[in-house]
Amino acid sequence: MNDPEACIHACTKLLRGEISAIETYTLAIGKCDEELVVRTLDRIRDDHELNANILRFHLSALGGIPAHNSLVPDAMASKLEGAAALLSDHTAISALIGRERSRIREYESVLEDPHVREEIKVRLRGENLPRLRDHVESLNVVTGR
């Protein structure tokens, strides 16, 4: 029932999301002044790098070519950067929480996909997904929720 191409597609989609998260957290860290928030954002960015590396490993093992960018066009990235500069830390963190929740749903969808190999699902379920759930909790803590 495993379809290698469908598995590669699912993992590539998750990897692009992780790369986008790394880019977003790097931007957020550069815009934030609160030390506790910066440390939290830095740890979360590092977690997304771990998640991305797991996905790269599996993509390589499947014979796929791991993505190295999120495919966010430069013009769009510039607009996002400008918008982020106008947001308060609280508003920006609320947006990050929303993106983390979206990533959780993306991972859950991949875990339900019969074409994704079970050994990949085990890693995603046991490592990547718990990190994403922890991110929501950590971001809620820094916003006082």
N, C-alpha and C. Protein backbone atom coordinates (compact mmCIF):
# COMPACT_ATOMS: atom_id res chain seq x y z
N MET A 1 0.81 -1.19 0.00
CA MET A 1 0.00 0.00 0.00
C MET A 1 0.86 1.26 0.00
N ASN A 2 2.15 1.12 0.32
CA ASN A 2 3.04 2.28 0.31
C ASN A 2 3.37 2.67 -1.12
N ASP A 3 3.17 3.93 -1.42
CA ASP A 3 3.50 4.49 -2.72
C ASP A 3 4.67 5.45 -2.50
N PRO A 4 5.88 5.08 -2.95
CA PRO A 4 7.05 5.92 -2.67
C PRO A 4 6.88 7.37 -3.11
N GLU A 5 6.28 7.60 -4.28
CA GLU A 5 6.11 8.98 -4.76
C GLU A 5 5.16 9.77 -3.86
N ALA A 6 4.08 9.13 -3.42
CA ALA A 6 3.14 9.81 -2.52
C ALA A 6 3.80 10.09 -1.17
N CYS A 7 4.63 9.16 -0.73
CA CYS A 7 5.35 9.33 0.53
C CYS A 7 6.34 10.49 0.41
N ILE A 8 7.05 10.54 -0.70
CA ILE A 8 8.00 11.64 -0.95
C ILE A 8 7.26 12.98 -0.97
N HIS A 9 6.12 13.01 -1.63
CA HIS A 9 5.33 14.24 -1.71
C HIS A 9 4.89 14.70 -0.32
N ALA A 10 4.39 13.77 0.50
CA ALA A 10 3.93 14.12 1.85
C ALA A 10 5.09 14.64 2.70
N CYS A 11 6.23 13.97 2.64
CA CYS A 11 7.39 14.39 3.43
C CYS A 11 7.95 15.73 2.94
N THR A 12 7.92 15.95 1.63
CA THR A 12 8.40 17.22 1.08
C THR A 12 7.52 18.37 1.54
N LYS A 13 6.22 18.14 1.56
CA LYS A 13 5.29 19.18 2.03
C LYS A 13 5.57 19.53 3.48
N LEU A 14 5.77 18.51 4.32
CA LEU A 14 6.10 18.77 5.73
C LEU A 14 7.44 19.49 5.85
N LEU A 15 8.42 19.07 5.05
CA LEU A 15 9.75 19.69 5.11
C LEU A 15 9.66 21.17 4.73
N ARG A 16 8.92 21.50 3.70
CA ARG A 16 8.78 22.91 3.32
C ARG A 16 8.15 23.72 4.46
N GLY A 17 7.20 23.11 5.17
CA GLY A 17 6.60 23.77 6.32
C GLY A 17 7.62 24.00 7.43
N GLU A 18 8.48 23.02 7.65
CA GLU A 18 9.52 23.16 8.68
C GLU A 18 10.53 24.24 8.28
N ILE A 19 10.90 24.28 7.02
CA ILE A 19 11.83 25.31 6.55
C ILE A 19 11.20 26.69 6.70
N SER A 20 9.92 26.79 6.36
CA SER A 20 9.21 28.05 6.54
C SER A 20 9.20 28.47 8.00
N ALA A 21 9.01 27.50 8.89
CA ALA A 21 9.02 27.80 10.33
C ALA A 21 10.39 28.31 10.77
N ILE A 22 11.45 27.68 10.29
CA ILE A 22 12.81 28.12 10.63
C ILE A 22 13.00 29.57 10.18
N GLU A 23 12.58 29.87 8.97
CA GLU A 23 12.70 31.23 8.44
C GLU A 23 11.88 32.22 9.28
N THR A 24 10.66 31.82 9.63
CA THR A 24 9.77 32.70 10.39
C THR A 24 10.31 32.96 11.79
N TYR A 25 10.78 31.91 12.46
CA TYR A 25 11.32 32.10 13.81
C TYR A 25 12.61 32.92 13.79
N THR A 26 13.42 32.75 12.77
CA THR A 26 14.62 33.56 12.65
C THR A 26 14.24 35.04 12.54
N LEU A 27 13.24 35.32 11.75
CA LEU A 27 12.75 36.69 11.60
C LEU A 27 12.19 37.21 12.93
N ALA A 28 11.38 36.40 13.60
CA ALA A 28 10.77 36.81 14.86
C ALA A 28 11.82 37.08 15.93
N ILE A 29 12.85 36.25 15.98
CA ILE A 29 13.93 36.45 16.97
C ILE A 29 14.61 37.79 16.74
N GLY A 30 14.81 38.15 15.49
CA GLY A 30 15.45 39.42 15.16
C GLY A 30 14.62 40.63 15.51
N LYS A 31 13.31 40.45 15.65
CA LYS A 31 12.41 41.57 15.93
C LYS A 31 12.04 41.69 17.40
N CYS A 32 12.42 40.71 18.21
CA CYS A 32 11.98 40.65 19.60
C CYS A 32 13.06 41.16 20.55
N ASP A 33 12.62 41.84 21.61
CA ASP A 33 13.56 42.40 22.59
C ASP A 33 13.55 41.68 23.93
N GLU A 34 12.50 40.91 24.22
CA GLU A 34 12.39 40.25 25.52
C GLU A 34 13.24 38.99 25.56
N GLU A 35 14.13 38.90 26.54
CA GLU A 35 15.07 37.78 26.60
C GLU A 35 14.37 36.42 26.72
N LEU A 36 13.36 36.32 27.59
CA LEU A 36 12.65 35.05 27.75
C LEU A 36 11.99 34.63 26.44
N VAL A 37 11.39 35.57 25.76
CA VAL A 37 10.73 35.27 24.49
C VAL A 37 11.76 34.86 23.45
N VAL A 38 12.87 35.56 23.38
CA VAL A 38 13.92 35.22 22.41
C VAL A 38 14.44 33.81 22.67
N ARG A 39 14.68 33.46 23.93
CA ARG A 39 15.17 32.10 24.25
C ARG A 39 14.14 31.05 23.82
N THR A 40 12.87 31.33 24.07
CA THR A 40 11.81 30.39 23.69
C THR A 40 11.75 30.24 22.17
N LEU A 41 11.77 31.36 21.47
CA LEU A 41 11.72 31.32 20.00
C LEU A 41 12.94 30.61 19.42
N ASP A 42 14.10 30.83 20.02
CA ASP A 42 15.33 30.19 19.56
C ASP A 42 15.26 28.67 19.73
N ARG A 43 14.74 28.22 20.88
CA ARG A 43 14.59 26.78 21.12
C ARG A 43 13.61 26.17 20.12
N ILE A 44 12.51 26.87 19.87
CA ILE A 44 11.52 26.37 18.93
C ILE A 44 12.11 26.29 17.52
N ARG A 45 12.87 27.32 17.13
CA ARG A 45 13.53 27.28 15.82
C ARG A 45 14.46 26.07 15.73
N ASP A 46 15.22 25.81 16.79
CA ASP A 46 16.11 24.65 16.81
C ASP A 46 15.32 23.35 16.66
N ASP A 47 14.15 23.28 17.32
CA ASP A 47 13.29 22.10 17.19
C ASP A 47 12.84 21.91 15.74
N HIS A 48 12.49 23.00 15.08
CA HIS A 48 12.08 22.90 13.68
C HIS A 48 13.24 22.43 12.81
N GLU A 49 14.46 22.81 13.16
CA GLU A 49 15.62 22.31 12.43
C GLU A 49 15.78 20.80 12.64
N LEU A 50 15.56 20.33 13.86
CA LEU A 50 15.59 18.88 14.12
C LEU A 50 14.52 18.17 13.29
N ASN A 51 13.30 18.72 13.31
CA ASN A 51 12.22 18.12 12.53
C ASN A 51 12.57 18.08 11.04
N ALA A 52 13.14 19.17 10.54
CA ALA A 52 13.52 19.23 9.12
C ALA A 52 14.59 18.18 8.81
N ASN A 53 15.53 17.99 9.70
CA ASN A 53 16.59 17.00 9.46
C ASN A 53 16.04 15.58 9.43
N ILE A 54 15.07 15.29 10.27
CA ILE A 54 14.43 13.96 10.24
C ILE A 54 13.76 13.76 8.89
N LEU A 55 13.04 14.76 8.42
CA LEU A 55 12.37 14.66 7.13
C LEU A 55 13.37 14.55 5.99
N ARG A 56 14.46 15.29 6.04
CA ARG A 56 15.50 15.19 5.01
C ARG A 56 16.08 13.78 4.96
N PHE A 57 16.33 13.20 6.14
CA PHE A 57 16.86 11.84 6.21
C PHE A 57 15.93 10.87 5.49
N HIS A 58 14.64 10.94 5.81
CA HIS A 58 13.68 10.01 5.21
C HIS A 58 13.51 10.27 3.71
N LEU A 59 13.51 11.52 3.32
CA LEU A 59 13.41 11.82 1.88
C LEU A 59 14.61 11.25 1.12
N SER A 60 15.79 11.40 1.66
CA SER A 60 16.98 10.84 1.02
C SER A 60 16.90 9.33 0.93
N ALA A 61 16.43 8.70 2.01
CA ALA A 61 16.30 7.24 2.03
C ALA A 61 15.29 6.75 1.00
N LEU A 62 14.29 7.57 0.72
CA LEU A 62 13.26 7.22 -0.27
C LEU A 62 13.72 7.51 -1.70
N GLY A 63 14.87 8.17 -1.84
CA GLY A 63 15.35 8.54 -3.16
C GLY A 63 14.85 9.90 -3.62
N GLY A 64 14.23 10.63 -2.70
CA GLY A 64 13.76 11.98 -3.02
C GLY A 64 14.87 12.99 -2.84
N ILE A 65 14.61 14.18 -3.31
CA ILE A 65 15.57 15.28 -3.16
C ILE A 65 15.01 16.24 -2.14
N PRO A 66 15.63 16.32 -0.96
CA PRO A 66 15.11 17.21 0.09
C PRO A 66 15.12 18.67 -0.34
N ALA A 67 14.03 19.35 -0.04
CA ALA A 67 13.91 20.78 -0.33
C ALA A 67 14.88 21.56 0.55
N HIS A 68 15.34 22.69 0.03
CA HIS A 68 16.23 23.55 0.80
C HIS A 68 15.63 24.92 1.04
N ASN A 69 14.41 25.13 0.53
CA ASN A 69 13.73 26.40 0.80
C ASN A 69 12.24 26.14 0.93
N SER A 70 11.54 27.15 1.42
CA SER A 70 10.11 26.99 1.69
C SER A 70 9.24 27.33 0.49
N LEU A 71 9.84 27.83 -0.58
CA LEU A 71 9.14 28.27 -1.78
C LEU A 71 8.30 29.52 -1.55
N VAL A 72 8.56 30.25 -0.45
CA VAL A 72 7.89 31.54 -0.26
C VAL A 72 8.63 32.52 -1.15
N PRO A 73 7.94 33.10 -2.14
CA PRO A 73 8.61 34.04 -3.04
C PRO A 73 9.21 35.21 -2.27
N ASP A 74 10.32 35.75 -2.79
CA ASP A 74 11.01 36.86 -2.12
C ASP A 74 10.09 38.05 -1.87
N ALA A 75 9.24 38.38 -2.82
CA ALA A 75 8.33 39.52 -2.64
C ALA A 75 7.38 39.27 -1.47
N MET A 76 6.89 38.03 -1.38
CA MET A 76 5.99 37.68 -0.28
C MET A 76 6.75 37.74 1.04
N ALA A 77 7.97 37.24 1.07
CA ALA A 77 8.77 37.27 2.29
C ALA A 77 9.00 38.71 2.75
N SER A 78 9.25 39.61 1.81
CA SER A 78 9.44 41.02 2.16
C SER A 78 8.18 41.62 2.76
N LYS A 79 7.03 41.29 2.20
CA LYS A 79 5.76 41.78 2.74
C LYS A 79 5.54 41.23 4.15
N LEU A 80 5.84 39.95 4.33
CA LEU A 80 5.68 39.34 5.65
C LEU A 80 6.61 40.00 6.66
N GLU A 81 7.83 40.27 6.25
CA GLU A 81 8.79 40.91 7.15
C GLU A 81 8.30 42.30 7.55
N GLY A 82 7.80 43.05 6.59
CA GLY A 82 7.26 44.38 6.89
C GLY A 82 6.08 44.31 7.82
N ALA A 83 5.20 43.36 7.59
CA ALA A 83 4.03 43.21 8.46
C ALA A 83 4.46 42.80 9.86
N ALA A 84 5.43 41.91 9.96
CA ALA A 84 5.91 41.46 11.27
C ALA A 84 6.48 42.61 12.07
N ALA A 85 7.13 43.55 11.40
CA ALA A 85 7.73 44.69 12.10
C ALA A 85 6.66 45.58 12.72
N LEU A 86 5.46 45.56 12.16
CA LEU A 86 4.37 46.39 12.68
C LEU A 86 3.61 45.73 13.82
N LEU A 87 3.76 44.44 13.98
CA LEU A 87 3.01 43.70 14.98
C LEU A 87 3.66 43.80 16.35
N SER A 88 2.83 43.77 17.37
CA SER A 88 3.37 43.68 18.72
C SER A 88 3.89 42.26 18.94
N ASP A 89 4.74 42.08 19.95
CA ASP A 89 5.23 40.74 20.26
C ASP A 89 4.07 39.79 20.52
N HIS A 90 3.07 40.26 21.26
CA HIS A 90 1.93 39.41 21.62
C HIS A 90 1.17 38.98 20.36
N THR A 91 0.92 39.91 19.46
CA THR A 91 0.21 39.59 18.22
C THR A 91 1.02 38.63 17.36
N ALA A 92 2.31 38.88 17.27
CA ALA A 92 3.18 38.01 16.47
C ALA A 92 3.21 36.60 17.06
N ILE A 93 3.28 36.49 18.38
CA ILE A 93 3.31 35.17 19.01
C ILE A 93 1.98 34.46 18.81
N SER A 94 0.88 35.20 18.87
CA SER A 94 -0.43 34.59 18.60
C SER A 94 -0.46 34.01 17.18
N ALA A 95 0.13 34.71 16.23
CA ALA A 95 0.20 34.21 14.85
C ALA A 95 1.08 32.96 14.78
N LEU A 96 2.18 32.94 15.55
CA LEU A 96 3.04 31.75 15.58
C LEU A 96 2.29 30.55 16.15
N ILE A 97 1.49 30.79 17.18
CA ILE A 97 0.69 29.71 17.77
C ILE A 97 -0.26 29.14 16.71
N GLY A 98 -0.89 30.02 15.95
CA GLY A 98 -1.79 29.56 14.89
C GLY A 98 -1.08 28.72 13.85
N ARG A 99 0.14 29.12 13.47
CA ARG A 99 0.91 28.33 12.50
C ARG A 99 1.34 26.99 13.07
N GLU A 100 1.70 26.97 14.35
CA GLU A 100 2.07 25.69 14.97
C GLU A 100 0.87 24.74 14.96
N ARG A 101 -0.31 25.26 15.25
CA ARG A 101 -1.52 24.43 15.23
C ARG A 101 -1.80 23.91 13.82
N SER A 102 -1.56 24.75 12.82
CA SER A 102 -1.73 24.31 11.43
C SER A 102 -0.75 23.20 11.08
N ARG A 103 0.50 23.34 11.55
CA ARG A 103 1.50 22.29 11.31
C ARG A 103 1.09 20.98 11.98
N ILE A 104 0.55 21.08 13.18
CA ILE A 104 0.08 19.87 13.87
C ILE A 104 -0.96 19.16 13.00
N ARG A 105 -1.91 19.91 12.46
CA ARG A 105 -2.94 19.31 11.59
C ARG A 105 -2.31 18.70 10.34
N GLU A 106 -1.29 19.35 9.78
CA GLU A 106 -0.61 18.81 8.60
C GLU A 106 0.06 17.48 8.93
N TYR A 107 0.73 17.42 10.08
CA TYR A 107 1.37 16.17 10.49
C TYR A 107 0.32 15.09 10.74
N GLU A 108 -0.77 15.44 11.41
CA GLU A 108 -1.82 14.46 11.69
C GLU A 108 -2.40 13.90 10.39
N SER A 109 -2.53 14.75 9.39
CA SER A 109 -3.02 14.31 8.09
C SER A 109 -2.05 13.31 7.45
N VAL A 110 -0.77 13.60 7.53
CA VAL A 110 0.24 12.68 6.98
C VAL A 110 0.23 11.35 7.74
N LEU A 111 0.01 11.40 9.04
CA LEU A 111 -0.04 10.17 9.83
C LEU A 111 -1.23 9.29 9.43
N GLU A 112 -2.26 9.88 8.87
CA GLU A 112 -3.44 9.13 8.41
C GLU A 112 -3.28 8.64 6.98
N ASP A 113 -2.27 9.10 6.28
CA ASP A 113 -2.07 8.77 4.87
C ASP A 113 -1.54 7.33 4.75
N PRO A 114 -2.29 6.45 4.08
CA PRO A 114 -1.84 5.06 3.97
C PRO A 114 -0.60 4.88 3.09
N HIS A 115 -0.25 5.91 2.32
CA HIS A 115 0.92 5.81 1.43
C HIS A 115 2.23 6.12 2.13
N VAL A 116 2.16 6.69 3.33
CA VAL A 116 3.38 7.04 4.07
C VAL A 116 3.85 5.81 4.84
N ARG A 117 5.11 5.51 4.71
CA ARG A 117 5.68 4.32 5.35
C ARG A 117 5.58 4.39 6.87
N GLU A 118 5.35 3.24 7.45
CA GLU A 118 5.14 3.17 8.90
C GLU A 118 6.37 3.63 9.68
N GLU A 119 7.57 3.30 9.23
CA GLU A 119 8.77 3.72 9.97
C GLU A 119 8.90 5.25 10.00
N ILE A 120 8.40 5.90 8.96
CA ILE A 120 8.40 7.37 8.95
C ILE A 120 7.35 7.88 9.93
N LYS A 121 6.18 7.27 9.91
CA LYS A 121 5.11 7.67 10.83
C LYS A 121 5.55 7.54 12.29
N VAL A 122 6.30 6.49 12.58
CA VAL A 122 6.78 6.28 13.96
C VAL A 122 7.64 7.46 14.40
N ARG A 123 8.55 7.90 13.55
CA ARG A 123 9.41 9.05 13.90
C ARG A 123 8.61 10.34 14.01
N LEU A 124 7.70 10.54 13.07
CA LEU A 124 6.90 11.77 13.10
C LEU A 124 6.02 11.81 14.35
N ARG A 125 5.40 10.68 14.65
CA ARG A 125 4.52 10.58 15.82
C ARG A 125 5.30 10.69 17.12
N GLY A 126 6.49 10.10 17.16
CA GLY A 126 7.26 10.04 18.39
C GLY A 126 8.18 11.22 18.64
N GLU A 127 8.57 11.93 17.57
CA GLU A 127 9.53 13.02 17.72
C GLU A 127 9.00 14.37 17.23
N ASN A 128 8.64 14.44 15.96
CA ASN A 128 8.26 15.73 15.38
C ASN A 128 6.97 16.29 15.98
N LEU A 129 5.93 15.48 16.01
CA LEU A 129 4.63 15.97 16.48
C LEU A 129 4.65 16.40 17.94
N PRO A 130 5.29 15.64 18.85
CA PRO A 130 5.36 16.13 20.24
C PRO A 130 6.07 17.48 20.37
N ARG A 131 7.08 17.71 19.54
CA ARG A 131 7.76 19.01 19.58
C ARG A 131 6.79 20.14 19.21
N LEU A 132 5.98 19.91 18.18
CA LEU A 132 5.03 20.94 17.75
C LEU A 132 4.02 21.24 18.85
N ARG A 133 3.55 20.20 19.51
CA ARG A 133 2.59 20.41 20.60
C ARG A 133 3.24 21.18 21.75
N ASP A 134 4.50 20.88 22.01
CA ASP A 134 5.24 21.60 23.05
C ASP A 134 5.41 23.07 22.67
N HIS A 135 5.56 23.35 21.38
CA HIS A 135 5.71 24.74 20.93
C HIS A 135 4.48 25.56 21.29
N VAL A 136 3.30 24.98 21.08
CA VAL A 136 2.06 25.71 21.40
C VAL A 136 2.04 26.03 22.89
N GLU A 137 2.37 25.03 23.72
CA GLU A 137 2.40 25.26 25.17
C GLU A 137 3.42 26.33 25.55
N SER A 138 4.61 26.24 24.99
CA SER A 138 5.68 27.21 25.31
C SER A 138 5.29 28.62 24.89
N LEU A 139 4.70 28.75 23.72
CA LEU A 139 4.29 30.08 23.26
C LEU A 139 3.15 30.63 24.10
N ASN A 140 2.25 29.75 24.54
CA ASN A 140 1.18 30.20 25.45
C ASN A 140 1.76 30.70 26.76
N VAL A 141 2.80 30.05 27.26
CA VAL A 141 3.43 30.47 28.52
C VAL A 141 4.02 31.87 28.38
N VAL A 142 4.73 32.13 27.29
CA VAL A 142 5.36 33.45 27.16
C VAL A 142 4.35 34.57 26.92
N THR A 143 3.14 34.21 26.49
CA THR A 143 2.10 35.24 26.34
C THR A 143 1.23 35.34 27.58
N GLY A 144 1.49 34.48 28.56
CA GLY A 144 0.73 34.53 29.81
C GLY A 144 -0.62 33.84 29.73
N ARG A 145 -0.80 32.97 28.77
CA ARG A 145 -2.09 32.25 28.64
C ARG A 145 -2.09 31.01 29.48
